[in-house]
Every structure is written in C-alpha cells, then in structure tokens.
Amino acid sequence: MKDAAGKPLPYFGAPPAREPLRAWDVPALRGKRVILSRPFRFIYDVRAVSQIYEDAEGHSVIDVMTEEDYYRWMFTGVRPESQPYPVHLVWVDFRGSTYG
C-alpha cells in the first residue's frame, strides 16, 4: 500500500477510519469519550459519566464532563460536577480507542 504521495505504508497500511456512533446504539456508555452536537459546532474531549436515564421532565439524558475533570476524578476519587446532556445529541467517539 502507498500513501497519497506514493510512499509505501508500513505493514498493513493506514488503519481504517472509525465512525462515531449514536449514544443510543452503544450499550455501556460510562467512561467513553463522546462528542456533543451543538447548534454551530461539535464539542470534543468530553466523557460520559452515566448511562442513559430520564430527567425530571422525562427527557432522555446522559451525564457528561470534560476529559480533564474525568481524569482528575479517576486520580483523586473526588467526583467533579457533571451536567446532563440530551442523549439524541451525543455521539460516541472512537478516535484512538480500542472499543468497537
């Protein structure tokens, strides 16, 4: 295999691209890297910290926090504040991950 410049790629070539999945379609969300859909952009570097649940108004949501807060929690054991986000606007990001 060769890259766009015609140079040979090592071993099996470039790894396949991973497509994000809708949060609805992933059974175990807690700890996974997610992408939040916003009106004018996507927000990356966020972690899911709960499974899907219904809030007080009956909306399906998932609790999220920044990756920085997530790793601080993992190291210190002190859980930072998380925020609920509508699950239909959450995608699971498989960049650099081994889950499939």
N, C-alpha and C. Protein backbone atom coordinates (compact mmCIF):
# COMPACT_ATOMS: atom_id res chain seq x y z
N MET A 1 0.84 -1.18 0.00
CA MET A 1 0.00 0.00 0.00
C MET A 1 0.88 1.24 0.00
N LYS A 2 0.35 2.31 -0.63
CA LYS A 2 1.08 3.57 -0.70
C LYS A 2 0.19 4.72 -0.24
N ASP A 3 0.83 5.75 0.31
CA ASP A 3 0.06 6.93 0.71
C ASP A 3 -0.18 7.82 -0.49
N ALA A 4 -0.80 8.99 -0.26
CA ALA A 4 -1.15 9.89 -1.35
C ALA A 4 0.08 10.39 -2.12
N ALA A 5 1.24 10.45 -1.46
CA ALA A 5 2.46 10.90 -2.11
C ALA A 5 3.20 9.76 -2.80
N GLY A 6 2.66 8.56 -2.72
CA GLY A 6 3.29 7.40 -3.36
C GLY A 6 4.31 6.68 -2.51
N LYS A 7 4.47 7.10 -1.25
CA LYS A 7 5.42 6.42 -0.36
C LYS A 7 4.76 5.18 0.21
N PRO A 8 5.52 4.10 0.36
CA PRO A 8 4.92 2.88 0.92
C PRO A 8 4.52 3.06 2.38
N LEU A 9 3.40 2.47 2.73
CA LEU A 9 2.93 2.48 4.11
C LEU A 9 3.42 1.22 4.80
N PRO A 10 3.72 1.30 6.11
CA PRO A 10 4.23 0.12 6.83
C PRO A 10 3.15 -0.94 7.06
N TYR A 11 3.57 -2.17 7.11
CA TYR A 11 2.74 -3.32 7.46
C TYR A 11 1.43 -3.37 6.69
N PHE A 12 0.33 -3.11 7.35
CA PHE A 12 -0.99 -3.25 6.72
C PHE A 12 -1.50 -1.94 6.14
N GLY A 13 -0.70 -0.90 6.15
CA GLY A 13 -1.14 0.39 5.64
C GLY A 13 -1.76 1.23 6.73
N ALA A 14 -2.59 2.17 6.35
CA ALA A 14 -3.24 3.06 7.31
C ALA A 14 -4.40 2.33 7.99
N PRO A 15 -4.62 2.59 9.27
CA PRO A 15 -5.76 1.95 9.95
C PRO A 15 -7.06 2.50 9.39
N PRO A 16 -8.13 1.71 9.46
CA PRO A 16 -9.41 2.19 8.95
C PRO A 16 -9.96 3.32 9.82
N ALA A 17 -10.67 4.23 9.19
CA ALA A 17 -11.32 5.31 9.93
C ALA A 17 -12.43 4.74 10.79
N ARG A 18 -12.64 5.34 11.93
CA ARG A 18 -13.72 4.91 12.82
C ARG A 18 -14.82 5.96 12.81
N GLU A 19 -16.02 5.53 12.54
CA GLU A 19 -17.16 6.42 12.52
C GLU A 19 -17.75 6.56 13.91
N PRO A 20 -18.13 7.76 14.32
CA PRO A 20 -18.81 7.89 15.61
C PRO A 20 -20.17 7.18 15.57
N LEU A 21 -20.60 6.68 16.71
CA LEU A 21 -21.90 6.01 16.82
C LEU A 21 -22.82 6.84 17.70
N ARG A 22 -24.12 6.79 17.41
CA ARG A 22 -25.08 7.46 18.27
C ARG A 22 -25.04 6.81 19.65
N ALA A 23 -25.15 7.62 20.68
CA ALA A 23 -25.10 7.10 22.04
C ALA A 23 -26.18 6.06 22.28
N TRP A 24 -27.33 6.20 21.63
CA TRP A 24 -28.41 5.21 21.77
C TRP A 24 -27.94 3.80 21.40
N ASP A 25 -26.98 3.71 20.47
CA ASP A 25 -26.57 2.43 19.91
C ASP A 25 -25.41 1.77 20.64
N VAL A 26 -24.92 2.39 21.72
CA VAL A 26 -23.78 1.85 22.46
C VAL A 26 -24.28 1.43 23.84
N PRO A 27 -24.13 0.15 24.20
CA PRO A 27 -24.73 -0.34 25.45
C PRO A 27 -24.07 0.17 26.73
N ALA A 28 -22.78 0.29 26.78
CA ALA A 28 -22.09 0.71 28.02
C ALA A 28 -21.41 2.04 27.76
N LEU A 29 -22.01 3.13 28.21
CA LEU A 29 -21.51 4.47 27.90
C LEU A 29 -20.54 5.04 28.92
N ARG A 30 -20.68 4.66 30.17
CA ARG A 30 -19.89 5.28 31.23
C ARG A 30 -18.39 5.15 30.93
N GLY A 31 -17.71 6.30 30.94
CA GLY A 31 -16.27 6.34 30.71
C GLY A 31 -15.87 6.52 29.25
N LYS A 32 -16.79 6.40 28.34
CA LYS A 32 -16.44 6.53 26.93
C LYS A 32 -16.30 7.99 26.53
N ARG A 33 -15.40 8.23 25.57
CA ARG A 33 -15.24 9.56 25.00
C ARG A 33 -16.43 9.84 24.11
N VAL A 34 -17.03 11.02 24.25
CA VAL A 34 -18.21 11.36 23.46
C VAL A 34 -18.01 12.71 22.77
N ILE A 35 -18.84 12.93 21.77
CA ILE A 35 -18.88 14.19 21.03
C ILE A 35 -20.27 14.77 21.24
N LEU A 36 -20.34 16.04 21.62
CA LEU A 36 -21.62 16.70 21.84
C LEU A 36 -21.96 17.55 20.62
N SER A 37 -23.15 17.38 20.12
CA SER A 37 -23.62 18.17 18.99
C SER A 37 -24.22 19.47 19.51
N ARG A 38 -23.72 20.58 19.00
CA ARG A 38 -24.20 21.91 19.36
C ARG A 38 -24.71 22.60 18.09
N PRO A 39 -25.47 23.67 18.21
CA PRO A 39 -26.02 24.32 17.00
C PRO A 39 -24.98 24.73 15.96
N PHE A 40 -23.80 25.19 16.37
CA PHE A 40 -22.84 25.70 15.40
C PHE A 40 -21.53 24.95 15.35
N ARG A 41 -21.38 23.90 16.17
CA ARG A 41 -20.13 23.13 16.16
C ARG A 41 -20.30 21.87 17.00
N PHE A 42 -19.29 21.02 16.96
CA PHE A 42 -19.24 19.84 17.80
C PHE A 42 -18.25 20.08 18.93
N ILE A 43 -18.53 19.53 20.10
CA ILE A 43 -17.65 19.65 21.26
C ILE A 43 -16.98 18.29 21.48
N TYR A 44 -15.66 18.28 21.45
CA TYR A 44 -14.87 17.06 21.65
C TYR A 44 -14.26 17.08 23.05
N ASP A 45 -13.51 16.04 23.40
CA ASP A 45 -12.81 15.93 24.69
C ASP A 45 -13.77 15.97 25.87
N VAL A 46 -14.83 15.18 25.74
CA VAL A 46 -15.85 15.05 26.78
C VAL A 46 -16.01 13.56 27.08
N ARG A 47 -16.32 13.23 28.31
CA ARG A 47 -16.55 11.84 28.71
C ARG A 47 -17.96 11.66 29.25
N ALA A 48 -18.56 10.52 28.92
CA ALA A 48 -19.84 10.13 29.50
C ALA A 48 -19.56 9.57 30.89
N VAL A 49 -20.36 9.99 31.88
CA VAL A 49 -20.14 9.51 33.24
C VAL A 49 -21.39 8.86 33.82
N SER A 50 -22.33 8.52 32.95
CA SER A 50 -23.53 7.80 33.38
C SER A 50 -24.07 7.01 32.19
N GLN A 51 -25.04 6.21 32.48
CA GLN A 51 -25.81 5.57 31.42
C GLN A 51 -26.95 6.52 31.06
N ILE A 52 -27.71 6.18 30.06
CA ILE A 52 -28.87 6.99 29.67
C ILE A 52 -29.93 6.86 30.77
N TYR A 53 -30.52 8.00 31.14
CA TYR A 53 -31.60 8.00 32.12
C TYR A 53 -32.58 9.11 31.78
N GLU A 54 -33.74 9.10 32.41
CA GLU A 54 -34.73 10.15 32.20
C GLU A 54 -34.61 11.19 33.30
N ASP A 55 -34.57 12.47 32.91
CA ASP A 55 -34.51 13.54 33.90
C ASP A 55 -35.92 13.80 34.45
N ALA A 56 -36.05 14.79 35.30
CA ALA A 56 -37.33 15.09 35.96
C ALA A 56 -38.43 15.46 34.97
N GLU A 57 -38.04 15.97 33.80
CA GLU A 57 -39.02 16.36 32.79
C GLU A 57 -39.32 15.25 31.78
N GLY A 58 -38.72 14.07 31.99
CA GLY A 58 -38.98 12.94 31.11
C GLY A 58 -38.11 12.87 29.86
N HIS A 59 -37.06 13.70 29.79
CA HIS A 59 -36.15 13.67 28.65
C HIS A 59 -35.04 12.65 28.89
N SER A 60 -34.63 11.94 27.85
CA SER A 60 -33.51 11.02 27.96
C SER A 60 -32.21 11.81 27.89
N VAL A 61 -31.39 11.66 28.93
CA VAL A 61 -30.14 12.41 29.03
C VAL A 61 -29.01 11.48 29.47
N ILE A 62 -27.81 12.01 29.39
CA ILE A 62 -26.63 11.32 29.88
C ILE A 62 -25.75 12.37 30.56
N ASP A 63 -25.15 12.04 31.68
CA ASP A 63 -24.26 12.98 32.37
C ASP A 63 -22.90 12.96 31.70
N VAL A 64 -22.35 14.17 31.48
CA VAL A 64 -21.05 14.31 30.83
C VAL A 64 -20.18 15.29 31.62
N MET A 65 -18.87 15.19 31.41
CA MET A 65 -17.92 16.15 31.95
C MET A 65 -16.71 16.20 31.03
N THR A 66 -15.89 17.23 31.19
CA THR A 66 -14.70 17.34 30.35
C THR A 66 -13.76 16.18 30.64
N GLU A 67 -12.90 15.88 29.68
CA GLU A 67 -11.91 14.82 29.91
C GLU A 67 -10.99 15.19 31.05
N GLU A 68 -10.63 16.46 31.15
CA GLU A 68 -9.77 16.91 32.25
C GLU A 68 -10.40 16.60 33.60
N ASP A 69 -11.69 16.95 33.76
CA ASP A 69 -12.38 16.64 35.01
C ASP A 69 -12.51 15.14 35.23
N TYR A 70 -12.75 14.39 34.16
CA TYR A 70 -12.90 12.94 34.27
C TYR A 70 -11.60 12.31 34.81
N TYR A 71 -10.46 12.68 34.23
CA TYR A 71 -9.20 12.09 34.68
C TYR A 71 -8.82 12.57 36.08
N ARG A 72 -9.16 13.80 36.41
CA ARG A 72 -8.92 14.27 37.78
C ARG A 72 -9.71 13.42 38.76
N TRP A 73 -10.95 13.10 38.41
CA TRP A 73 -11.81 12.24 39.23
C TRP A 73 -11.18 10.87 39.38
N MET A 74 -10.68 10.30 38.26
CA MET A 74 -10.08 8.97 38.31
C MET A 74 -8.85 8.94 39.22
N PHE A 75 -8.06 10.01 39.22
CA PHE A 75 -6.83 10.07 40.02
C PHE A 75 -7.09 10.40 41.48
N THR A 76 -8.05 11.30 41.75
CA THR A 76 -8.25 11.77 43.12
C THR A 76 -9.41 11.09 43.84
N GLY A 77 -10.36 10.53 43.08
CA GLY A 77 -11.54 9.94 43.68
C GLY A 77 -12.60 10.96 44.06
N VAL A 78 -12.34 12.23 43.80
CA VAL A 78 -13.30 13.30 44.10
C VAL A 78 -14.05 13.62 42.82
N ARG A 79 -15.35 13.29 42.81
CA ARG A 79 -16.13 13.49 41.60
C ARG A 79 -16.47 14.97 41.39
N PRO A 80 -16.06 15.52 40.24
CA PRO A 80 -16.45 16.90 39.93
C PRO A 80 -17.91 16.96 39.47
N GLU A 81 -18.40 18.15 39.33
CA GLU A 81 -19.77 18.32 38.86
C GLU A 81 -19.89 17.89 37.40
N SER A 82 -20.97 17.19 37.12
CA SER A 82 -21.25 16.80 35.73
C SER A 82 -22.54 17.48 35.31
N GLN A 83 -22.81 17.44 34.03
CA GLN A 83 -24.05 18.05 33.56
C GLN A 83 -24.80 17.08 32.66
N PRO A 84 -26.12 17.07 32.76
CA PRO A 84 -26.90 16.21 31.87
C PRO A 84 -26.93 16.82 30.47
N TYR A 85 -26.92 15.96 29.47
CA TYR A 85 -26.96 16.42 28.08
C TYR A 85 -27.94 15.52 27.33
N PRO A 86 -28.76 16.08 26.44
CA PRO A 86 -29.75 15.26 25.71
C PRO A 86 -29.07 14.15 24.91
N VAL A 87 -29.48 12.93 25.13
CA VAL A 87 -28.80 11.79 24.53
C VAL A 87 -28.88 11.80 23.00
N HIS A 88 -29.92 12.39 22.43
CA HIS A 88 -30.01 12.40 20.97
C HIS A 88 -28.98 13.34 20.33
N LEU A 89 -28.25 14.09 21.16
CA LEU A 89 -27.20 14.98 20.66
C LEU A 89 -25.81 14.50 21.05
N VAL A 90 -25.70 13.23 21.49
CA VAL A 90 -24.43 12.66 21.93
C VAL A 90 -24.00 11.55 20.99
N TRP A 91 -22.73 11.60 20.59
CA TRP A 91 -22.13 10.58 19.73
C TRP A 91 -20.94 9.98 20.46
N VAL A 92 -20.73 8.69 20.33
CA VAL A 92 -19.56 8.05 20.94
C VAL A 92 -18.40 8.15 19.96
N ASP A 93 -17.30 8.70 20.45
CA ASP A 93 -16.11 8.96 19.64
C ASP A 93 -15.13 7.81 19.81
N PHE A 94 -14.81 7.14 18.73
CA PHE A 94 -13.90 6.00 18.82
C PHE A 94 -12.48 6.35 18.38
N ARG A 95 -12.15 7.66 18.25
CA ARG A 95 -10.77 8.04 17.88
C ARG A 95 -9.79 7.47 18.91
N GLY A 96 -8.83 6.74 18.45
CA GLY A 96 -7.79 6.26 19.34
C GLY A 96 -8.25 5.27 20.39
N SER A 97 -9.42 4.71 20.23
CA SER A 97 -9.90 3.78 21.26
C SER A 97 -9.81 2.35 20.75
N THR A 98 -10.01 1.44 21.67
CA THR A 98 -9.99 0.03 21.29
C THR A 98 -11.36 -0.60 21.37
N TYR A 99 -12.39 0.18 21.74
CA TYR A 99 -13.70 -0.42 21.79
C TYR A 99 -14.26 -0.46 20.38
N GLY A 100 -15.12 -1.38 20.15
CA GLY A 100 -15.66 -1.44 18.81
C GLY A 100 -17.02 -1.90 18.82
